[in-house]
Structure formats: structure tokens, C-alpha cells
Protein backbone atom coordinates (compact mmCIF):
# COMPACT_ATOMS: atom_id res chain seq x y z
CA UNK A 1 -0.04 0.01 -0.16
CA UNK A 2 1.34 3.40 -0.95
CA UNK A 3 0.51 6.68 0.93
CA UNK A 4 -0.57 9.61 -1.06
CA UNK A 5 -1.33 13.08 -0.06
CA UNK A 6 -3.27 15.70 -2.14
CA UNK A 7 -2.82 19.59 -1.32
CA UNK A 8 -5.52 21.67 -3.12
CA UNK A 9 -5.50 25.43 -2.98
CA UNK A 10 -8.52 26.13 -5.02
CA UNK A 11 -11.58 27.19 -3.08
CA UNK A 12 -14.10 26.39 -5.83
CA UNK A 13 -14.98 23.01 -7.56
CA UNK A 14 -14.63 23.48 -11.35
CA UNK A 15 -12.72 21.73 -14.17
CA UNK A 16 -9.41 21.95 -12.11
CA UNK A 17 -10.74 19.78 -9.60
CA UNK A 18 -11.61 16.78 -11.53
CA UNK A 19 -8.25 15.50 -12.32
CA UNK A 20 -6.90 15.20 -8.54
CA UNK A 21 -10.19 13.99 -7.41
CA UNK A 22 -10.29 11.50 -10.20
CA UNK A 23 -6.94 10.17 -9.43
CA UNK A 24 -7.65 10.02 -5.68
CA UNK A 25 -10.68 7.94 -6.12
CA UNK A 26 -8.65 5.50 -8.28
CA UNK A 27 -5.90 5.06 -5.90
CA UNK A 28 -8.02 4.47 -3.02
CA UNK A 29 -9.98 1.88 -4.90
CA UNK A 30 -6.61 0.26 -5.83
CA UNK A 31 -6.02 -0.17 -2.10
CA UNK A 32 -3.91 2.83 -1.39
CA UNK A 33 -3.84 5.35 1.49
CA UNK A 34 -5.27 8.87 0.25
CA UNK A 35 -5.32 11.99 2.42
CA UNK A 36 -6.59 15.23 0.98
CA UNK A 37 -6.15 18.75 2.22
CA UNK A 38 -8.48 21.05 0.47
CA UNK A 39 -9.16 24.90 0.69
CA UNK A 40 -12.77 25.35 1.68
CA UNK A 41 -13.88 21.60 1.24
CA UNK A 42 -17.57 21.28 0.89
CA UNK A 43 -18.87 18.09 2.56
CA UNK A 44 -22.12 18.11 0.59
CA UNK A 45 -20.37 18.29 -2.74
CA UNK A 46 -20.98 15.14 -4.68
CA UNK A 47 -17.33 14.58 -5.52
CA UNK A 48 -16.22 15.17 -1.76
CA UNK A 49 -19.11 12.74 -0.60
CA UNK A 50 -17.96 10.20 -2.96
CA UNK A 51 -14.37 10.27 -1.88
CA UNK A 52 -15.15 10.11 1.78
CA UNK A 53 -17.39 7.02 1.11
CA UNK A 54 -14.35 5.42 -0.80
CA UNK A 55 -12.30 5.88 2.42
CA UNK A 56 -10.26 9.14 1.78
CA UNK A 57 -9.48 11.32 4.66
CA UNK A 58 -10.36 14.90 3.89
CA UNK A 59 -9.19 18.00 5.84
CA UNK A 60 -10.17 21.62 5.15
CA UNK A 61 -7.11 23.92 5.00
CA UNK A 62 -9.30 26.78 6.22
CA UNK A 63 -10.84 24.95 9.14
CA UNK A 64 -7.69 24.21 11.05
CA UNK A 65 -7.50 20.89 9.61
CA UNK A 66 -10.64 19.55 11.10
CA UNK A 67 -12.61 16.80 9.01
CA UNK A 68 -14.22 18.55 6.01
CA UNK A 69 -17.67 17.89 7.76
CA UNK A 70 -16.75 20.09 10.47
CA UNK A 71 -17.80 23.81 9.39
CA UNK A 72 -16.88 27.00 11.00
CA UNK A 73 -19.05 30.20 10.48
CA UNK A 74 -18.36 32.21 7.42
CA UNK A 75 -18.07 35.55 9.33
CA UNK A 76 -15.10 34.17 10.92
CA UNK A 77 -13.28 33.86 7.43
CA UNK A 78 -14.39 37.14 6.53
CA UNK A 79 -12.92 38.57 9.65
CA UNK A 80 -9.48 36.80 9.11
CA UNK A 81 -9.64 37.61 5.44
CA UNK A 82 -9.12 34.03 4.25
CA UNK A 83 -12.17 33.57 2.15
CA UNK A 84 -11.44 35.70 -0.91
CA UNK A 85 -8.23 37.55 -1.09
CA UNK A 86 -4.91 35.87 -2.74
CA UNK A 87 -2.77 37.75 -0.46
CA UNK A 88 -4.95 36.56 2.59
CA UNK A 89 -4.55 32.86 1.24
CA UNK A 90 -0.79 33.06 1.15
CA UNK A 91 -0.55 34.69 4.63
CA UNK A 92 -2.91 31.99 5.89
CA UNK A 93 -0.95 28.99 4.31
CA UNK A 94 2.21 30.59 6.00
CA UNK A 95 0.52 30.79 9.27
CA UNK A 96 -0.68 27.30 9.30
CA UNK A 97 2.63 25.96 7.76
CA UNK A 98 3.76 24.56 11.11
CA UNK A 99 0.82 22.61 11.39
CA UNK A 100 0.64 21.17 8.05
CA UNK A 101 4.44 20.23 8.26
CA UNK A 102 3.55 18.17 11.43
CA UNK A 103 0.81 16.56 9.73
CA UNK A 104 2.80 15.75 6.58
CA UNK A 105 5.62 14.43 8.77
CA UNK A 106 3.29 11.86 10.59
CA UNK A 107 1.65 10.86 7.43
CA UNK A 108 5.15 10.17 5.73
CA UNK A 109 3.50 9.98 2.16
CA UNK A 110 5.01 8.29 -0.55
CA UNK A 111 4.02 11.18 -2.83
CA UNK A 112 2.36 14.57 -2.63
CA UNK A 113 0.30 16.10 -5.34
CA UNK A 114 -0.09 19.70 -5.08
CA UNK A 115 -3.00 21.08 -7.33
CA UNK A 116 -3.40 24.63 -7.98
CA UNK A 117 -6.10 26.64 -9.76
CA UNK A 118 -3.49 28.93 -11.42
CA UNK A 119 -0.05 28.46 -11.58
CA UNK A 120 1.30 30.01 -8.40
CA UNK A 121 -1.79 30.17 -5.89
CA UNK A 122 -0.76 26.94 -4.21
CA UNK A 123 3.27 26.58 -4.76
CA UNK A 124 3.88 27.48 -0.86
CA UNK A 125 2.05 23.99 -0.52
CA UNK A 126 5.01 22.86 -2.68
CA UNK A 127 7.69 24.65 -0.64
CA UNK A 128 6.32 23.34 2.38
CA UNK A 129 6.68 19.71 0.73
CA UNK A 130 10.38 20.76 0.06
CA UNK A 131 10.96 21.89 3.45
CA UNK A 132 9.63 18.65 5.17
CA UNK A 133 11.36 16.69 2.49
CA UNK A 134 8.36 15.01 1.01
CA UNK A 135 8.65 14.13 -2.81
CA UNK A 136 5.98 15.88 -4.58
CA UNK A 137 4.28 16.83 -8.05
CA UNK A 138 2.75 20.11 -8.82
CA UNK A 139 -0.63 20.43 -11.29
CA UNK A 140 -1.18 24.09 -12.66
CA UNK A 141 -4.38 24.58 -14.51
CA UNK A 142 -4.19 28.19 -15.82
CA UNK A 143 -1.49 30.85 -16.35
CA UNK A 144 -2.33 34.43 -17.54
CA UNK A 145 -0.12 37.06 -19.09
CA UNK A 146 -1.70 39.90 -16.96
CA UNK A 147 -1.28 38.24 -13.39
CA UNK A 148 2.37 37.59 -12.54
CA UNK A 149 3.62 36.65 -9.07
CA UNK A 150 5.09 39.48 -7.02
CA UNK A 151 8.99 39.34 -6.74
CA UNK A 152 8.72 38.15 -3.13
CA UNK A 153 6.49 35.10 -4.17
CA UNK A 154 8.48 34.62 -7.45
CA UNK A 155 11.60 33.13 -5.44
CA UNK A 156 9.23 30.50 -3.87
CA UNK A 157 7.37 29.73 -7.09
CA UNK A 158 10.57 29.23 -8.67
CA UNK A 159 12.11 27.02 -6.33
CA UNK A 160 8.73 25.02 -5.70
CA UNK A 161 8.60 24.17 -9.38
CA UNK A 162 12.37 23.44 -9.74
CA UNK A 163 12.37 20.95 -6.79
CA UNK A 164 9.05 19.22 -7.87
CA UNK A 165 9.57 15.65 -9.20
CA UNK A 166 7.02 16.75 -11.98
CA UNK A 167 5.33 19.73 -13.00
CA UNK A 168 2.09 19.10 -14.85
CA UNK A 169 0.24 21.66 -16.87
CA UNK A 170 -2.88 21.51 -19.15
CA UNK A 171 -1.36 23.07 -22.07
CA UNK A 172 2.03 24.26 -23.32
CA UNK A 173 1.00 27.88 -23.35
CA UNK A 174 0.86 27.40 -19.51
CA UNK A 175 4.40 25.78 -19.61
CA UNK A 176 5.96 28.57 -21.61
CA UNK A 177 4.42 31.51 -19.70
CA UNK A 178 5.10 29.71 -16.32
CA UNK A 179 8.97 29.67 -17.55
CA UNK A 180 8.88 33.10 -18.46
CA UNK A 181 7.51 34.18 -15.17
CA UNK A 182 10.14 32.24 -13.24
CA UNK A 183 12.80 32.82 -15.48
CA UNK A 184 13.92 29.27 -15.94
CA UNK A 185 13.17 26.36 -18.21
CA UNK A 186 11.43 23.40 -16.41
CA UNK A 187 12.64 20.16 -17.97
CA UNK A 188 10.45 18.27 -15.27
CA UNK A 189 7.28 20.01 -17.08
CA UNK A 190 4.54 17.90 -18.88
CA UNK A 191 1.16 18.50 -20.41
CA UNK A 192 -1.75 16.49 -18.93
CA UNK A 193 -5.49 16.54 -19.78
CA UNK A 194 -8.49 17.02 -17.54
CA UNK A 195 -11.48 14.53 -17.31
CA UNK A 196 -14.42 15.48 -19.15
CA UNK A 197 -17.98 15.25 -18.21
CA UNK A 198 -19.35 13.72 -21.45
CA UNK A 199 -19.85 10.10 -22.56
CA UNK A 200 -17.10 10.72 -25.20
CA UNK A 201 -19.17 9.51 -27.90
CA UNK A 202 -20.26 11.85 -30.86
CA UNK A 203 -23.71 12.85 -30.86
CA UNK A 204 -26.10 13.15 -33.88
CA UNK A 205 -26.16 16.61 -35.40
CA UNK A 206 -29.16 18.51 -33.95
CA UNK A 207 -31.92 19.41 -36.20
CA UNK A 208 -34.18 22.44 -35.47
CA UNK A 209 -37.80 22.77 -36.64
CA UNK A 210 -37.28 26.47 -37.54
CA UNK A 211 -33.67 25.69 -38.99
CA UNK A 212 -32.39 28.19 -36.17
CA UNK A 213 -28.66 27.89 -35.30
CA UNK A 214 -28.27 27.40 -31.50
CA UNK A 215 -25.08 28.18 -29.87
CA UNK A 216 -24.09 27.50 -26.23
CA UNK A 217 -21.76 29.46 -23.99
CA UNK A 218 -20.83 26.76 -21.34
CA UNK A 219 -18.96 28.35 -18.66
CA UNK A 220 -18.89 29.91 -15.06
CA UNK A 221 -20.73 33.21 -14.88
CA UNK A 222 -17.47 35.27 -14.46
CA UNK A 223 -16.75 38.08 -16.79
CA UNK A 224 -13.26 38.54 -15.68
CA UNK A 225 -12.28 35.02 -16.94
CA UNK A 226 -14.99 33.72 -19.18
CA UNK A 227 -15.80 37.05 -20.97
CA UNK A 228 -19.47 36.66 -21.48
CA UNK A 229 -19.92 40.45 -21.54
CA UNK A 230 -17.90 40.41 -24.89
CA UNK A 231 -20.12 37.93 -26.41
CA UNK A 232 -23.04 39.89 -25.47
CA UNK A 233 -21.74 42.96 -27.06
CA UNK A 234 -21.08 41.21 -30.35
CA UNK A 235 -24.75 39.84 -30.19
CA UNK A 236 -26.03 43.49 -29.78
CA UNK A 237 -24.49 44.42 -33.20
CA UNK A 238 -27.13 45.07 -35.81
CA UNK A 239 -26.21 42.12 -38.06
CA UNK A 240 -26.37 39.62 -35.46
CA UNK A 241 -29.71 40.79 -34.17
CA UNK A 242 -31.36 39.97 -37.60
CA UNK A 243 -30.03 36.52 -37.87
CA UNK A 244 -31.63 33.22 -37.06
CA UNK A 245 -29.62 32.56 -34.26
CA UNK A 246 -29.71 32.27 -30.26
CA UNK A 247 -27.17 31.67 -27.53
CA UNK A 248 -27.80 30.00 -24.36
CA UNK A 249 -25.50 30.77 -21.38
CA UNK A 250 -25.13 27.42 -19.22
CA UNK A 251 -23.62 27.96 -16.00
CA UNK A 252 -23.74 29.82 -12.63
CA UNK A 253 -21.47 32.42 -11.04
CA UNK A 254 -20.80 35.68 -9.40
CA UNK A 255 -21.83 37.58 -12.46
CA UNK A 256 -25.21 36.12 -13.25
CA UNK A 257 -27.32 38.99 -12.32
CA UNK A 258 -25.01 41.29 -14.08
CA UNK A 259 -25.04 39.50 -17.28
CA UNK A 260 -28.94 39.15 -17.43
CA UNK A 261 -29.00 43.00 -16.66
CA UNK A 262 -26.55 43.58 -19.63
CA UNK A 263 -28.47 41.34 -21.98
CA UNK A 264 -31.69 43.18 -20.96
CA UNK A 265 -30.02 46.59 -21.17
CA UNK A 266 -28.84 45.99 -24.81
CA UNK A 267 -32.29 44.53 -25.71
CA UNK A 268 -31.17 41.08 -26.63
CA UNK A 269 -34.03 38.64 -27.39
CA UNK A 270 -31.81 35.85 -28.85
CA UNK A 271 -30.20 34.91 -25.35
CA UNK A 272 -31.28 32.97 -22.19
CA UNK A 273 -29.69 31.81 -19.20
CA UNK A 274 -30.73 28.21 -18.21
CA UNK A 275 -28.41 28.06 -15.32
CA UNK A 276 -25.73 25.20 -14.44
CA UNK A 277 -26.41 21.57 -15.63
CA UNK A 278 -24.31 18.65 -14.77
CA UNK A 279 -25.69 16.88 -18.07
CA UNK A 280 -23.45 18.18 -20.54
CA UNK A 281 -24.36 15.65 -23.31
CA UNK A 282 -27.91 17.29 -22.87
CA UNK A 283 -26.41 20.52 -24.16
CA UNK A 284 -24.97 18.97 -27.32
CA UNK A 285 -27.86 17.18 -28.28
CA UNK A 286 -29.75 20.42 -28.95
CA UNK A 287 -26.92 23.11 -29.73
CA UNK A 288 -24.55 23.34 -32.76
CA UNK A 289 -21.57 24.96 -31.44
CA UNK A 290 -19.76 26.32 -28.24
CA UNK A 291 -19.17 30.04 -28.08
CA UNK A 292 -16.63 31.29 -25.47
CA UNK A 293 -15.10 34.70 -25.40
CA UNK A 294 -12.61 34.04 -22.46
CA UNK A 295 -10.17 36.46 -21.41
CA UNK A 296 -8.03 33.78 -19.79
CA UNK A 297 -7.86 30.18 -19.90
CA UNK A 298 -5.66 27.08 -19.37
CA UNK A 299 -7.46 24.75 -21.66
CA UNK A 300 -11.22 25.13 -21.27
CA UNK A 301 -12.98 21.83 -20.44
CA UNK A 302 -16.22 23.13 -21.90
CA UNK A 303 -14.13 23.14 -25.47
CA UNK A 304 -12.97 19.53 -24.98
CA UNK A 305 -16.36 18.34 -24.13
CA UNK A 306 -18.07 20.01 -27.05
CA UNK A 307 -15.50 18.66 -29.61
CA UNK A 308 -15.92 14.96 -27.83
CA UNK A 309 -19.54 15.18 -28.85
CA UNK A 310 -18.97 16.31 -32.39
CA UNK A 311 -19.11 20.08 -32.04
CA UNK A 312 -16.83 22.85 -32.50
CA UNK A 313 -15.78 25.91 -30.58
CA UNK A 314 -15.83 29.67 -31.46
CA UNK A 315 -13.10 30.63 -29.03
CA UNK A 316 -10.37 33.27 -27.94
CA UNK A 317 -6.80 32.60 -28.47
CA UNK A 318 -6.15 32.19 -24.72
CA UNK A 319 -4.48 29.44 -22.84
CA UNK A 320 -4.17 26.26 -25.06
CA UNK A 321 -7.30 26.74 -27.23
CA UNK A 322 -5.14 27.03 -30.50
CA UNK A 323 -3.23 23.90 -29.38
CA UNK A 324 -6.56 21.90 -29.82
CA UNK A 325 -8.35 23.96 -32.41
CA UNK A 326 -7.16 24.71 -36.05
CA UNK A 327 -8.94 27.74 -37.28
CA UNK A 328 -11.62 27.22 -39.82
CA UNK A 329 -11.13 23.67 -40.02
CA UNK A 330 -12.13 22.29 -36.45
CA UNK A 331 -13.19 25.49 -35.04
CA UNK A 332 -12.77 29.22 -35.11
CA UNK A 333 -10.34 31.29 -33.02
CA UNK A 334 -10.44 34.95 -32.30
CA UNK A 335 -7.02 36.73 -32.21
CA UNK A 336 -7.77 38.11 -28.72
CA UNK A 337 -10.66 38.66 -26.20
CA UNK A 338 -11.87 41.98 -27.74
CA UNK A 339 -15.37 42.60 -29.10
CA UNK A 340 -14.22 43.48 -32.84
CA UNK A 341 -11.89 40.34 -32.80
CA UNK A 342 -14.60 38.02 -31.61
CA UNK A 343 -16.99 39.59 -33.91
CA UNK A 344 -14.74 38.70 -36.65
CA UNK A 345 -14.32 34.98 -35.42
CA UNK A 346 -18.12 34.71 -35.47
CA UNK A 347 -18.46 36.03 -38.77
CA UNK A 348 -15.94 33.61 -40.21
CA UNK A 349 -18.12 30.86 -38.61
CA UNK A 350 -21.30 32.27 -39.88
CA UNK A 351 -19.95 32.38 -43.59
CA UNK A 352 -19.05 28.67 -43.21
CA UNK A 353 -22.37 27.80 -41.43
CA UNK A 354 -23.42 25.15 -44.31
CA UNK A 355 -20.31 23.17 -43.34
CA UNK A 356 -20.82 23.04 -39.61
CA UNK A 357 -21.60 19.37 -39.37
CA UNK A 358 -18.37 18.43 -41.12
CA UNK A 359 -16.32 20.78 -39.08
CA UNK A 360 -17.89 19.44 -35.92
CA UNK A 361 -16.98 15.94 -37.13
CA UNK A 362 -13.52 16.88 -37.80
CA UNK A 363 -13.15 18.51 -34.38
CA UNK A 364 -14.39 15.18 -32.93
CA UNK A 365 -11.55 13.14 -34.97
CA UNK A 366 -8.93 15.93 -34.00
CA UNK A 367 -9.51 15.87 -30.35
CA UNK A 368 -9.37 12.14 -29.83
CA UNK A 369 -5.75 12.37 -31.01
CA UNK A 370 -4.94 14.79 -28.10
CA UNK A 371 -7.12 13.81 -25.13
CA UNK A 372 -7.27 10.28 -23.82
CA UNK A 373 -10.45 8.84 -23.06
CA UNK A 374 -9.87 8.45 -19.49
CA UNK A 375 -7.67 11.12 -18.44
CA UNK A 376 -7.85 10.37 -14.74
CA UNK A 377 -6.55 6.87 -15.14
CA UNK A 378 -3.68 8.24 -17.36
CA UNK A 379 -2.75 10.82 -14.60
CA UNK A 380 -2.91 8.09 -12.05
CA UNK A 381 -0.59 5.91 -13.83
CA UNK A 382 1.71 8.91 -14.11
CA UNK A 383 1.76 9.38 -10.31
CA UNK A 384 2.14 5.44 -9.65
CA UNK A 385 5.23 5.66 -12.23
CA UNK A 386 6.84 8.60 -10.25
CA UNK A 387 6.57 6.64 -7.03
CA UNK A 388 8.03 3.48 -8.68
CA UNK A 389 10.91 5.55 -9.98
CA UNK A 390 11.60 7.07 -6.67
CA UNK A 391 11.53 3.56 -5.27
CA UNK A 392 13.77 2.19 -7.97
CA UNK A 393 16.17 5.13 -7.70
CA UNK A 394 15.47 5.91 -11.52
CA UNK A 395 13.58 9.37 -11.11
CA UNK A 396 15.09 11.67 -13.72
CA UNK A 397 15.36 14.83 -11.48
CA UNK A 398 15.77 18.12 -13.32
CA UNK A 399 15.92 20.30 -10.22
CA UNK A 400 19.44 21.50 -9.20
CA UNK A 401 20.79 19.36 -6.28
CA UNK A 402 21.45 22.55 -4.11
CA UNK A 403 17.46 23.01 -3.90
CA UNK A 404 16.97 19.48 -2.78
CA UNK A 405 16.51 19.23 0.97
CA UNK A 406 18.07 16.25 3.00
CA UNK A 407 14.61 14.65 3.43
CA UNK A 408 14.12 14.28 -0.39
CA UNK A 409 17.68 13.33 -1.07
CA UNK A 410 17.42 10.55 1.65
CA UNK A 411 14.16 9.21 -0.03
CA UNK A 412 15.94 9.22 -3.29
CA UNK A 413 18.78 7.12 -2.05
CA UNK A 414 16.65 4.55 -0.29
């Protein structure tokens, strides 16, 4: 039996949580010990419930490491500033560092998996592993050109990435940008894919009685990242108002009412907000294409899911989107997350609307060459391979030996 610890810094549950959760479930089902430390672990979330049922031990980073089912009142978090501010999160992680070091030492894991929503919001957890001497890997789900680490955090970020046995990213874009931000090449970097929430089989092309075109924007309702406001402004232009086309915004989030208000303010009659649905296949049974004007991405899971179902995306050139979409062949890519540029991409798509079915089919074929049918199982295999390499002494470490703490060096020698 191997011992795994997952350290997860992301407070929400989105696509970035599915990979580590899927791996944790597979590991514990295979008889291994799994302990999970997550920021604001919701004991009522279906994934958390499932992991608890399987026998994972789950602790909440913000609840002083009590089991996830034990809750502290949210006003306490507002007072301490731990709930929303990144700076508060970093300060909190530093404050609870001594407790976490004791727990990691007592658990004595064979491998720690640090999962972060961006590319430096959880590196302090990796640095704790470095200090304790626990072998660890890091998963990063997003990197943005406009959000760089402050210099005082950059040093920790660089050492955490360099000392990790593996640095997993969801796109080559995120690898390159992270290397720019730390000023180092990461020879230990590797691209992995997130699990998708669809069956994985192409769906029949939807027919509509009125021959209308139905687009779906599937994303958290967060304008800062997902750019739904850009899409609404495009749809408000005269030429889109007169076309037989509608857009449904699937998702929930902090900007739901703001977006509904903007749509009303613009007088849009061809949009609706059905809300969040866990049945993603049902979306693509009735919609022709994904439309996503993201301002920032790692690699949008909604795009992968749409392509798996035989649909294509009209997307922005953010994160790894252009790595999986070939413009005008398997989708349409706007040069940037600007209203004019996104309008141009939608116009290119509209001009080729008679070919949409074949473009969707090409997208489905293409994505299957880039994404495994079971990403969680593939990632689990990678984790087991890292541990096996540690045990056999064949791990290929790219981190400078000066960055290795005695604990890690000892584990590598044994």
C-alpha cells in the first residue's frame, strides 16, 4: 500500500478539481492510502461525498485541519480575510505551515500531489513539501499574461517548481508562460489533460424545426475570466440581431445577475440563461457549437467536451485553445478577447455555416488524438510511475541538487 497526500489550494470546484479527485478515487479503490487537504472543502459536494465514501481522509485547510464535515461560520473567515483575497490565502498558508508540516511528517507520504487553480496560488504548499522533505508533484491549471507573481513570491514559486519531481500543466502555453515568469526552463514539465464530463461518443447533429442555429456558452458566469460580456456586446450588433441564431448561457457564478442585466440593457431577445447543468451531453444534443469569449484560460474543459460530442468551438486565442483548434477546420479562433476580434471570428463561422456539421465531425476526430478517453486513469498511472521511479532510484530529477532538502535526497537514495 502506498501513501498519497493531495494538497489543493483552489476554493471552488470546477474543471481544475476533477483531475486530482479522479486520481484520488482510483488510488484509494486500488488499496492505497489517500489523504486530502483542500481549501474550503464542501462536505455536501458530490465529489467530496464520494471520496469520503471510498475511504479518503479529507481535511479543510481553512478549518484548522478539522475533517471537512466540521464547519466554521463564514463570518469568521471574513474577519480573518481568508475567504477571498489571494494575499490573505498566502498569509494563511504561511500561518498554518507549522501544523501542515507536522501532519505531513506524521503521514510520511510516498508522494504529495499539489493541485492549484492557477500557476502560483498553491506553490507555497509545494515549498512546504520541499522543507519537510516529502517528494511532490505540482498540477497547474491556468497561467495568465496579466497576472504575474510578485517578486517576493516569485522566489518561492521558482524553487517549488524546480524541486518538484514533475510539473504538470494542461497546455504548452501554460508551460511557456510559467517559464517566462520564473525565468527558468522546466525540464520536469509535462502536459496532462483534465477529465471531461461527457460520454465521449459523438452525438447526432441537432436538427431544429425552424432551421435556427443554437449556440451554447458553457462556462462559469465570471466575466473577468470567461468574457460573457464580450459575447453579449457582439450579439448586440445590428447584423447579429437579424440572424436566425440564439445563444444559451449555461452556468452559474458571481456575475449571473450582471449578465442578465446587460442582456436586458442591450435589448437582446436571442439569449437565455438556463443555469448550470451537470448533464453536459444534453446541451450538445440540442446545440450546434460552443461560443466562448474567454479573457483567460488554461485549456477550457467546455471546449474539450464540445469537440468530444462532435461540436466545434468559436473561442479566443487564450491558454491552450489554439493547441487543440485549427482555425476554420476544427473551429474558429479569435485573435484576442476583444469585441471586434470576436465578432470577426463569429463572422468567419457564420460564412461557413453550411459546413458546420463536417467541421464538428473534424473537431471530434482531432480531439481524440490529443485527449485520452480516461484522463484520470492516465494521470493516476503517471503518479504511480513517479513513485515507482523513486523506489527504484530511476527518477530523472531536473532540479538543481542545491535545491534538494536532506529529506528528499534521503528518499531518493533509499
